[in-house]
Amino acid sequence: GIALPPFKYVMSDLPLKNITGWQQHPGLVPFVEQG
């Protein structure tokens, strides 16, 4: 409950298949929606 800088987590990799998998994963979608 303290003031902190905003942050953005960026998942990266070389294979596009991995990125497509992350975009569709139900565990990760809520964090995308939170920005």
PDB file of all heavy atoms in Angstrom:
ATOM      1  N   GLY A   1       0.790  -1.222   0.000  1.00  0.00           N
ATOM      2  CA  GLY A   1       0.000   0.000   0.000  1.00  0.00           C
ATOM      3  C   GLY A   1       0.824   1.274   0.000  1.00  0.00           C
ATOM      4  O   GLY A   1       0.441   2.271   0.606  1.00  0.00           O
ATOM      5  N   ILE A   2       1.974   1.247  -0.679  1.00  0.00           N
ATOM      6  CA  ILE A   2       2.849   2.418  -0.719  1.00  0.00           C
ATOM      7  C   ILE A   2       2.973   2.926  -2.155  1.00  0.00           C
ATOM      8  O   ILE A   2       2.728   2.187  -3.113  1.00  0.00           O
ATOM      9  CB  ILE A   2       4.246   2.101  -0.147  1.00  0.00           C
ATOM     10  CG1 ILE A   2       4.880   0.917  -0.904  1.00  0.00           C
ATOM     11  CG2 ILE A   2       4.167   1.800   1.341  1.00  0.00           C
ATOM     12  CD1 ILE A   2       6.289   0.563  -0.449  1.00  0.00           C
ATOM     13  N   ALA A   3       3.361   4.174  -2.296  1.00  0.00           N
ATOM     14  CA  ALA A   3       3.525   4.767  -3.627  1.00  0.00           C
ATOM     15  C   ALA A   3       4.769   4.194  -4.302  1.00  0.00           C
ATOM     16  O   ALA A   3       5.856   4.204  -3.722  1.00  0.00           O
ATOM     17  CB  ALA A   3       3.640   6.284  -3.510  1.00  0.00           C
ATOM     18  N   LEU A   4       4.592   3.690  -5.504  1.00  0.00           N
ATOM     19  CA  LEU A   4       5.691   3.100  -6.265  1.00  0.00           C
ATOM     20  C   LEU A   4       5.584   3.537  -7.724  1.00  0.00           C
ATOM     21  O   LEU A   4       4.486   3.882  -8.190  1.00  0.00           O
ATOM     22  CB  LEU A   4       5.636   1.567  -6.199  1.00  0.00           C
ATOM     23  CG  LEU A   4       5.836   0.917  -4.832  1.00  0.00           C
ATOM     24  CD1 LEU A   4       5.473  -0.559  -4.898  1.00  0.00           C
ATOM     25  CD2 LEU A   4       7.279   1.093  -4.356  1.00  0.00           C
ATOM     26  N   PRO A   5       6.678   3.506  -8.464  1.00  0.00           N
ATOM     27  CA  PRO A   5       6.590   3.816  -9.892  1.00  0.00           C
ATOM     28  C   PRO A   5       5.738   2.776 -10.612  1.00  0.00           C
ATOM     29  O   PRO A   5       5.715   1.603 -10.212  1.00  0.00           O
ATOM     30  CB  PRO A   5       8.049   3.739 -10.362  1.00  0.00           C
ATOM     31  CG  PRO A   5       8.876   3.824  -9.124  1.00  0.00           C
ATOM     32  CD  PRO A   5       8.060   3.229  -8.032  1.00  0.00           C
ATOM     33  N   PRO A   6       5.038   3.162 -11.667  1.00  0.00           N
ATOM     34  CA  PRO A   6       4.347   2.164 -12.487  1.00  0.00           C
ATOM     35  C   PRO A   6       5.364   1.272 -13.191  1.00  0.00           C
ATOM     36  O   PRO A   6       6.535   1.641 -13.342  1.00  0.00           O
ATOM     37  CB  PRO A   6       3.564   3.018 -13.488  1.00  0.00           C
ATOM     38  CG  PRO A   6       4.323   4.304 -13.565  1.00  0.00           C
ATOM     39  CD  PRO A   6       4.909   4.527 -12.197  1.00  0.00           C
ATOM     40  N   PHE A   7       4.922   0.096 -13.594  1.00  0.00           N
ATOM     41  CA  PHE A   7       5.843  -0.812 -14.286  1.00  0.00           C
ATOM     42  C   PHE A   7       5.101  -1.545 -15.393  1.00  0.00           C
ATOM     43  O   PHE A   7       3.873  -1.640 -15.393  1.00  0.00           O
ATOM     44  CB  PHE A   7       6.443  -1.826 -13.298  1.00  0.00           C
ATOM     45  CG  PHE A   7       5.462  -2.856 -12.809  1.00  0.00           C
ATOM     46  CD1 PHE A   7       5.280  -4.053 -13.491  1.00  0.00           C
ATOM     47  CD2 PHE A   7       4.705  -2.629 -11.672  1.00  0.00           C
ATOM     48  CE1 PHE A   7       4.371  -5.001 -13.048  1.00  0.00           C
ATOM     49  CE2 PHE A   7       3.788  -3.565 -11.212  1.00  0.00           C
ATOM     50  CZ  PHE A   7       3.624  -4.759 -11.902  1.00  0.00           C
ATOM     51  N   LYS A   8       5.889  -2.047 -16.336  1.00  0.00           N
ATOM     52  CA  LYS A   8       5.347  -2.924 -17.369  1.00  0.00           C
ATOM     53  C   LYS A   8       6.315  -4.092 -17.543  1.00  0.00           C
ATOM     54  O   LYS A   8       7.514  -3.898 -17.725  1.00  0.00           O
ATOM     55  CB  LYS A   8       5.157  -2.196 -18.697  1.00  0.00           C
ATOM     56  CG  LYS A   8       4.627  -3.113 -19.824  1.00  0.00           C
ATOM     57  CD  LYS A   8       3.953  -2.331 -20.917  1.00  0.00           C
ATOM     58  CE  LYS A   8       2.630  -1.782 -20.459  1.00  0.00           C
ATOM     59  NZ  LYS A   8       1.845  -1.176 -21.575  1.00  0.00           N
ATOM     60  N   TYR A   9       5.764  -5.291 -17.466  1.00  0.00           N
ATOM     61  CA  TYR A   9       6.545  -6.519 -17.649  1.00  0.00           C
ATOM     62  C   TYR A   9       6.453  -6.908 -19.121  1.00  0.00           C
ATOM     63  O   TYR A   9       5.355  -7.007 -19.679  1.00  0.00           O
ATOM     64  CB  TYR A   9       5.965  -7.612 -16.759  1.00  0.00           C
ATOM     65  CG  TYR A   9       6.842  -8.827 -16.547  1.00  0.00           C
ATOM     66  CD1 TYR A   9       7.461  -9.045 -15.322  1.00  0.00           C
ATOM     67  CD2 TYR A   9       7.033  -9.776 -17.549  1.00  0.00           C
ATOM     68  CE1 TYR A   9       8.249 -10.168 -15.101  1.00  0.00           C
ATOM     69  CE2 TYR A   9       7.816 -10.894 -17.340  1.00  0.00           C
ATOM     70  CZ  TYR A   9       8.422 -11.095 -16.112  1.00  0.00           C
ATOM     71  OH  TYR A   9       9.207 -12.211 -15.894  1.00  0.00           O
ATOM     72  N   VAL A  10       7.593  -7.130 -19.752  1.00  0.00           N
ATOM     73  CA  VAL A  10       7.630  -7.493 -21.168  1.00  0.00           C
ATOM     74  C   VAL A  10       8.236  -8.886 -21.308  1.00  0.00           C
ATOM     75  O   VAL A  10       9.409  -9.099 -21.019  1.00  0.00           O
ATOM     76  CB  VAL A  10       8.453  -6.478 -21.996  1.00  0.00           C
ATOM     77  CG1 VAL A  10       8.470  -6.889 -23.466  1.00  0.00           C
ATOM     78  CG2 VAL A  10       7.888  -5.070 -21.842  1.00  0.00           C
ATOM     79  N   MET A  11       7.411  -9.831 -21.722  1.00  0.00           N
ATOM     80  CA  MET A  11       7.899 -11.176 -22.019  1.00  0.00           C
ATOM     81  C   MET A  11       8.437 -11.193 -23.443  1.00  0.00           C
ATOM     82  O   MET A  11       7.752 -10.752 -24.370  1.00  0.00           O
ATOM     83  CB  MET A  11       6.774 -12.195 -21.872  1.00  0.00           C
ATOM     84  CG  MET A  11       6.205 -12.311 -20.477  1.00  0.00           C
ATOM     85  SD  MET A  11       4.695 -13.337 -20.434  1.00  0.00           S
ATOM     86  CE  MET A  11       5.363 -14.939 -20.910  1.00  0.00           C
ATOM     87  N   SER A  12       9.652 -11.713 -23.618  1.00  0.00           N
ATOM     88  CA  SER A  12      10.232 -11.737 -24.962  1.00  0.00           C
ATOM     89  C   SER A  12      10.831 -13.096 -25.262  1.00  0.00           C
ATOM     90  O   SER A  12      11.223 -13.844 -24.368  1.00  0.00           O
ATOM     91  CB  SER A  12      11.310 -10.654 -25.104  1.00  0.00           C
ATOM     92  OG  SER A  12      12.491 -11.017 -24.415  1.00  0.00           O
ATOM     93  N   ASP A  13      10.881 -13.406 -26.538  1.00  0.00           N
ATOM     94  CA  ASP A  13      11.529 -14.616 -27.036  1.00  0.00           C
ATOM     95  C   ASP A  13      11.663 -14.457 -28.534  1.00  0.00           C
ATOM     96  O   ASP A  13      11.112 -13.514 -29.132  1.00  0.00           O
ATOM     97  CB  ASP A  13      10.725 -15.859 -26.677  1.00  0.00           C
ATOM     98  CG  ASP A  13      11.636 -17.052 -26.335  1.00  0.00           C
ATOM     99  OD1 ASP A  13      12.778 -17.093 -26.833  1.00  0.00           O
ATOM    100  OD2 ASP A  13      11.204 -17.931 -25.566  1.00  0.00           O
ATOM    101  N   LEU A  14      12.365 -15.371 -29.153  1.00  0.00           N
ATOM    102  CA  LEU A  14      12.536 -15.311 -30.606  1.00  0.00           C
ATOM    103  C   LEU A  14      11.402 -16.005 -31.358  1.00  0.00           C
ATOM    104  O   LEU A  14      10.869 -15.443 -32.318  1.00  0.00           O
ATOM    105  CB  LEU A  14      13.888 -15.904 -30.997  1.00  0.00           C
ATOM    106  CG  LEU A  14      14.350 -15.652 -32.428  1.00  0.00           C
ATOM    107  CD1 LEU A  14      14.396 -14.162 -32.732  1.00  0.00           C
ATOM    108  CD2 LEU A  14      15.717 -16.277 -32.665  1.00  0.00           C
ATOM    109  N   PRO A  15      10.973 -17.224 -30.950  1.00  0.00           N
ATOM    110  CA  PRO A  15       9.919 -17.908 -31.714  1.00  0.00           C
ATOM    111  C   PRO A  15       8.559 -17.213 -31.576  1.00  0.00           C
ATOM    112  O   PRO A  15       8.073 -16.970 -30.462  1.00  0.00           O
ATOM    113  CB  PRO A  15       9.873 -19.305 -31.080  1.00  0.00           C
ATOM    114  CG  PRO A  15      11.189 -19.469 -30.377  1.00  0.00           C
ATOM    115  CD  PRO A  15      11.555 -18.100 -29.907  1.00  0.00           C
ATOM    116  N   LEU A  16       7.937 -16.916 -32.692  1.00  0.00           N
ATOM    117  CA  LEU A  16       6.612 -16.292 -32.679  1.00  0.00           C
ATOM    118  C   LEU A  16       5.562 -17.214 -32.074  1.00  0.00           C
ATOM    119  O   LEU A  16       4.562 -16.754 -31.502  1.00  0.00           O
ATOM    120  CB  LEU A  16       6.209 -15.905 -34.103  1.00  0.00           C
ATOM    121  CG  LEU A  16       6.810 -14.598 -34.638  1.00  0.00           C
ATOM    122  CD1 LEU A  16       6.500 -14.434 -36.115  1.00  0.00           C
ATOM    123  CD2 LEU A  16       6.302 -13.396 -33.849  1.00  0.00           C
ATOM    124  N   LYS A  17       5.769 -18.542 -32.202  1.00  0.00           N
ATOM    125  CA  LYS A  17       4.813 -19.487 -31.619  1.00  0.00           C
ATOM    126  C   LYS A  17       4.693 -19.289 -30.113  1.00  0.00           C
ATOM    127  O   LYS A  17       3.605 -19.445 -29.546  1.00  0.00           O
ATOM    128  CB  LYS A  17       5.229 -20.929 -31.924  1.00  0.00           C
ATOM    129  CG  LYS A  17       4.933 -21.394 -33.334  1.00  0.00           C
ATOM    130  CD  LYS A  17       5.269 -22.862 -33.491  1.00  0.00           C
ATOM    131  CE  LYS A  17       4.919 -23.367 -34.883  1.00  0.00           C
ATOM    132  NZ  LYS A  17       5.234 -24.810 -35.059  1.00  0.00           N
ATOM    133  N   ASN A  18       5.800 -18.983 -29.457  1.00  0.00           N
ATOM    134  CA  ASN A  18       5.746 -18.748 -28.014  1.00  0.00           C
ATOM    135  C   ASN A  18       4.896 -17.536 -27.688  1.00  0.00           C
ATOM    136  O   ASN A  18       4.086 -17.549 -26.762  1.00  0.00           O
ATOM    137  CB  ASN A  18       7.157 -18.561 -27.447  1.00  0.00           C
ATOM    138  CG  ASN A  18       7.951 -19.853 -27.408  1.00  0.00           C
ATOM    139  OD1 ASN A  18       7.437 -20.915 -27.759  1.00  0.00           O
ATOM    140  ND2 ASN A  18       9.193 -19.767 -26.996  1.00  0.00           N
ATOM    141  N   ILE A  19       5.095 -16.455 -28.448  1.00  0.00           N
ATOM    142  CA  ILE A  19       4.359 -15.219 -28.188  1.00  0.00           C
ATOM    143  C   ILE A  19       2.865 -15.433 -28.406  1.00  0.00           C
ATOM    144  O   ILE A  19       2.032 -14.984 -27.605  1.00  0.00           O
ATOM    145  CB  ILE A  19       4.894 -14.085 -29.086  1.00  0.00           C
ATOM    146  CG1 ILE A  19       6.374 -13.822 -28.756  1.00  0.00           C
ATOM    147  CG2 ILE A  19       4.074 -12.821 -28.917  1.00  0.00           C
ATOM    148  CD1 ILE A  19       7.075 -12.884 -29.702  1.00  0.00           C
ATOM    149  N   THR A  20       2.513 -16.160 -29.458  1.00  0.00           N
ATOM    150  CA  THR A  20       1.103 -16.470 -29.704  1.00  0.00           C
ATOM    151  C   THR A  20       0.528 -17.267 -28.540  1.00  0.00           C
ATOM    152  O   THR A  20      -0.605 -17.023 -28.097  1.00  0.00           O
ATOM    153  CB  THR A  20       0.956 -17.268 -31.017  1.00  0.00           C
ATOM    154  OG1 THR A  20       1.482 -16.501 -32.097  1.00  0.00           O
ATOM    155  CG2 THR A  20      -0.501 -17.595 -31.288  1.00  0.00           C
ATOM    156  N   GLY A  21       1.313 -18.216 -28.026  1.00  0.00           N
ATOM    157  CA  GLY A  21       0.866 -19.009 -26.887  1.00  0.00           C
ATOM    158  C   GLY A  21       0.636 -18.164 -25.652  1.00  0.00           C
ATOM    159  O   GLY A  21      -0.357 -18.349 -24.927  1.00  0.00           O
ATOM    160  N   TRP A  22       1.534 -17.213 -25.389  1.00  0.00           N
ATOM    161  CA  TRP A  22       1.360 -16.329 -24.219  1.00  0.00           C
ATOM    162  C   TRP A  22       0.096 -15.484 -24.357  1.00  0.00           C
ATOM    163  O   TRP A  22      -0.641 -15.307 -23.388  1.00  0.00           O
ATOM    164  CB  TRP A  22       2.556 -15.381 -24.086  1.00  0.00           C
ATOM    165  CG  TRP A  22       3.880 -16.028 -23.962  1.00  0.00           C
ATOM    166  CD1 TRP A  22       4.159 -17.276 -23.493  1.00  0.00           C
ATOM    167  CD2 TRP A  22       5.137 -15.447 -24.334  1.00  0.00           C
ATOM    168  NE1 TRP A  22       5.510 -17.514 -23.543  1.00  0.00           N
ATOM    169  CE2 TRP A  22       6.125 -16.406 -24.066  1.00  0.00           C
ATOM    170  CE3 TRP A  22       5.512 -14.218 -24.876  1.00  0.00           C
ATOM    171  CZ2 TRP A  22       7.483 -16.164 -24.296  1.00  0.00           C
ATOM    172  CZ3 TRP A  22       6.858 -13.975 -25.116  1.00  0.00           C
ATOM    173  CH2 TRP A  22       7.829 -14.940 -24.829  1.00  0.00           C
ATOM    174  N   GLN A  23      -0.121 -14.955 -25.548  1.00  0.00           N
ATOM    175  CA  GLN A  23      -1.270 -14.062 -25.759  1.00  0.00           C
ATOM    176  C   GLN A  23      -2.590 -14.765 -25.489  1.00  0.00           C
ATOM    177  O   GLN A  23      -3.579 -14.121 -25.122  1.00  0.00           O
ATOM    178  CB  GLN A  23      -1.250 -13.507 -27.187  1.00  0.00           C
ATOM    179  CG  GLN A  23      -0.113 -12.530 -27.447  1.00  0.00           C
ATOM    180  CD  GLN A  23      -0.022 -12.139 -28.916  1.00  0.00           C
ATOM    181  OE1 GLN A  23      -0.117 -12.981 -29.808  1.00  0.00           O
ATOM    182  NE2 GLN A  23       0.145 -10.857 -29.182  1.00  0.00           N
ATOM    183  N   GLN A  24      -2.596 -16.085 -25.646  1.00  0.00           N
ATOM    184  CA  GLN A  24      -3.831 -16.848 -25.480  1.00  0.00           C
ATOM    185  C   GLN A  24      -3.924 -17.544 -24.130  1.00  0.00           C
ATOM    186  O   GLN A  24      -4.958 -18.146 -23.814  1.00  0.00           O
ATOM    187  CB  GLN A  24      -3.939 -17.901 -26.600  1.00  0.00           C
ATOM    188  CG  GLN A  24      -3.966 -17.298 -27.994  1.00  0.00           C
ATOM    189  CD  GLN A  24      -3.819 -18.350 -29.093  1.00  0.00           C
ATOM    190  OE1 GLN A  24      -3.544 -19.532 -28.811  1.00  0.00           O
ATOM    191  NE2 GLN A  24      -3.992 -17.929 -30.331  1.00  0.00           N
ATOM    192  N   HIS A  25      -2.871 -17.470 -23.323  1.00  0.00           N
ATOM    193  CA  HIS A  25      -2.855 -18.244 -22.079  1.00  0.00           C
ATOM    194  C   HIS A  25      -3.756 -17.583 -21.035  1.00  0.00           C
ATOM    195  O   HIS A  25      -3.597 -16.410 -20.717  1.00  0.00           O
ATOM    196  CB  HIS A  25      -1.430 -18.359 -21.542  1.00  0.00           C
ATOM    197  CG  HIS A  25      -1.271 -19.467 -20.545  1.00  0.00           C
ATOM    198  ND1 HIS A  25      -1.820 -19.407 -19.278  1.00  0.00           N
ATOM    199  CD2 HIS A  25      -0.649 -20.669 -20.627  1.00  0.00           C
ATOM    200  CE1 HIS A  25      -1.536 -20.516 -18.630  1.00  0.00           C
ATOM    201  NE2 HIS A  25      -0.832 -21.304 -19.429  1.00  0.00           N
ATOM    202  N   PRO A  26      -4.703 -18.347 -20.460  1.00  0.00           N
ATOM    203  CA  PRO A  26      -5.637 -17.759 -19.493  1.00  0.00           C
ATOM    204  C   PRO A  26      -4.965 -17.216 -18.234  1.00  0.00           C
ATOM    205  O   PRO A  26      -5.513 -16.336 -17.571  1.00  0.00           O
ATOM    206  CB  PRO A  26      -6.576 -18.927 -19.155  1.00  0.00           C
ATOM    207  CG  PRO A  26      -5.830 -20.170 -19.546  1.00  0.00           C
ATOM    208  CD  PRO A  26      -4.982 -19.778 -20.704  1.00  0.00           C
ATOM    209  N   GLY A  27      -3.774 -17.717 -17.915  1.00  0.00           N
ATOM    210  CA  GLY A  27      -3.073 -17.204 -16.746  1.00  0.00           C
ATOM    211  C   GLY A  27      -2.447 -15.838 -16.969  1.00  0.00           C
ATOM    212  O   GLY A  27      -2.200 -15.091 -16.011  1.00  0.00           O
ATOM    213  N   LEU A  28      -2.180 -15.487 -18.232  1.00  0.00           N
ATOM    214  CA  LEU A  28      -1.502 -14.233 -18.550  1.00  0.00           C
ATOM    215  C   LEU A  28      -2.454 -13.128 -19.012  1.00  0.00           C
ATOM    216  O   LEU A  28      -2.150 -11.943 -18.856  1.00  0.00           O
ATOM    217  CB  LEU A  28      -0.433 -14.474 -19.625  1.00  0.00           C
ATOM    218  CG  LEU A  28       0.690 -15.442 -19.239  1.00  0.00           C
ATOM    219  CD1 LEU A  28       1.593 -15.720 -20.435  1.00  0.00           C
ATOM    220  CD2 LEU A  28       1.502 -14.902 -18.074  1.00  0.00           C
ATOM    221  N   VAL A  29      -3.588 -13.524 -19.568  1.00  0.00           N
ATOM    222  CA  VAL A  29      -4.534 -12.537 -20.105  1.00  0.00           C
ATOM    223  C   VAL A  29      -4.932 -11.474 -19.077  1.00  0.00           C
ATOM    224  O   VAL A  29      -4.985 -10.277 -19.406  1.00  0.00           O
ATOM    225  CB  VAL A  29      -5.776 -13.250 -20.679  1.00  0.00           C
ATOM    226  CG1 VAL A  29      -6.891 -12.254 -20.984  1.00  0.00           C
ATOM    227  CG2 VAL A  29      -5.401 -14.016 -21.951  1.00  0.00           C
ATOM    228  N   PRO A  30      -5.215 -11.848 -17.816  1.00  0.00           N
ATOM    229  CA  PRO A  30      -5.603 -10.803 -16.845  1.00  0.00           C
ATOM    230  C   PRO A  30      -4.544  -9.714 -16.660  1.00  0.00           C
ATOM    231  O   PRO A  30      -4.890  -8.542 -16.456  1.00  0.00           O
ATOM    232  CB  PRO A  30      -5.821 -11.586 -15.551  1.00  0.00           C
ATOM    233  CG  PRO A  30      -6.173 -12.971 -15.996  1.00  0.00           C
ATOM    234  CD  PRO A  30      -5.344 -13.196 -17.217  1.00  0.00           C
ATOM    235  N   PHE A  31      -3.266 -10.090 -16.730  1.00  0.00           N
ATOM    236  CA  PHE A  31      -2.205  -9.086 -16.570  1.00  0.00           C
ATOM    237  C   PHE A  31      -2.137  -8.162 -17.782  1.00  0.00           C
ATOM    238  O   PHE A  31      -1.818  -6.979 -17.656  1.00  0.00           O
ATOM    239  CB  PHE A  31      -0.862  -9.770 -16.325  1.00  0.00           C
ATOM    240  CG  PHE A  31      -0.827 -10.604 -15.078  1.00  0.00           C
ATOM    241  CD1 PHE A  31      -0.613 -11.963 -15.137  1.00  0.00           C
ATOM    242  CD2 PHE A  31      -1.021 -10.022 -13.834  1.00  0.00           C
ATOM    243  CE1 PHE A  31      -0.590 -12.737 -13.989  1.00  0.00           C
ATOM    244  CE2 PHE A  31      -1.000 -10.775 -12.673  1.00  0.00           C
ATOM    245  CZ  PHE A  31      -0.789 -12.140 -12.756  1.00  0.00           C
ATOM    246  N   VAL A  32      -2.431  -8.701 -18.966  1.00  0.00           N
ATOM    247  CA  VAL A  32      -2.510  -7.861 -20.165  1.00  0.00           C
ATOM    248  C   VAL A  32      -3.648  -6.863 -20.010  1.00  0.00           C
ATOM    249  O   VAL A  32      -3.505  -5.667 -20.307  1.00  0.00           O
ATOM    250  CB  VAL A  32      -2.720  -8.723 -21.427  1.00  0.00           C
ATOM    251  CG1 VAL A  32      -2.912  -7.834 -22.655  1.00  0.00           C
ATOM    252  CG2 VAL A  32      -1.535  -9.665 -21.638  1.00  0.00           C
ATOM    253  N   GLU A  33      -4.789  -7.352 -19.523  1.00  0.00           N
ATOM    254  CA  GLU A  33      -5.961  -6.490 -19.347  1.00  0.00           C
ATOM    255  C   GLU A  33      -5.707  -5.393 -18.312  1.00  0.00           C
ATOM    256  O   GLU A  33      -6.279  -4.297 -18.405  1.00  0.00           O
ATOM    257  CB  GLU A  33      -7.165  -7.338 -18.954  1.00  0.00           C
ATOM    258  CG  GLU A  33      -7.625  -8.282 -20.075  1.00  0.00           C
ATOM    259  CD  GLU A  33      -8.709  -9.245 -19.638  1.00  0.00           C
ATOM    260  OE1 GLU A  33      -8.914  -9.381 -18.396  1.00  0.00           O
ATOM    261  OE2 GLU A  33      -9.344  -9.867 -20.508  1.00  0.00           O
ATOM    262  N   GLN A  34      -4.845  -5.684 -17.331  1.00  0.00           N
ATOM    263  CA  GLN A  34      -4.492  -4.667 -16.332  1.00  0.00           C
ATOM    264  C   GLN A  34      -3.500  -3.650 -16.870  1.00  0.00           C
ATOM    265  O   GLN A  34      -3.225  -2.638 -16.216  1.00  0.00           O
ATOM    266  CB  GLN A  34      -3.892  -5.339 -15.095  1.00  0.00           C
ATOM    267  CG  GLN A  34      -4.852  -6.197 -14.293  1.00  0.00           C
ATOM    268  CD  GLN A  34      -4.128  -6.943 -13.186  1.00  0.00           C
ATOM    269  OE1 GLN A  34      -3.317  -6.380 -12.440  1.00  0.00           O
ATOM    270  NE2 GLN A  34      -4.413  -8.229 -13.069  1.00  0.00           N
ATOM    271  N   GLY A  35      -2.929  -3.919 -18.047  1.00  0.00           N
ATOM    272  CA  GLY A  35      -1.978  -2.989 -18.650  1.00  0.00           C
ATOM    273  C   GLY A  35      -0.563  -3.110 -18.121  1.00  0.00           C
ATOM    274  O   GLY A  35       0.261  -2.219 -18.342  1.00  0.00           O
TER     275      GLY A  35
END
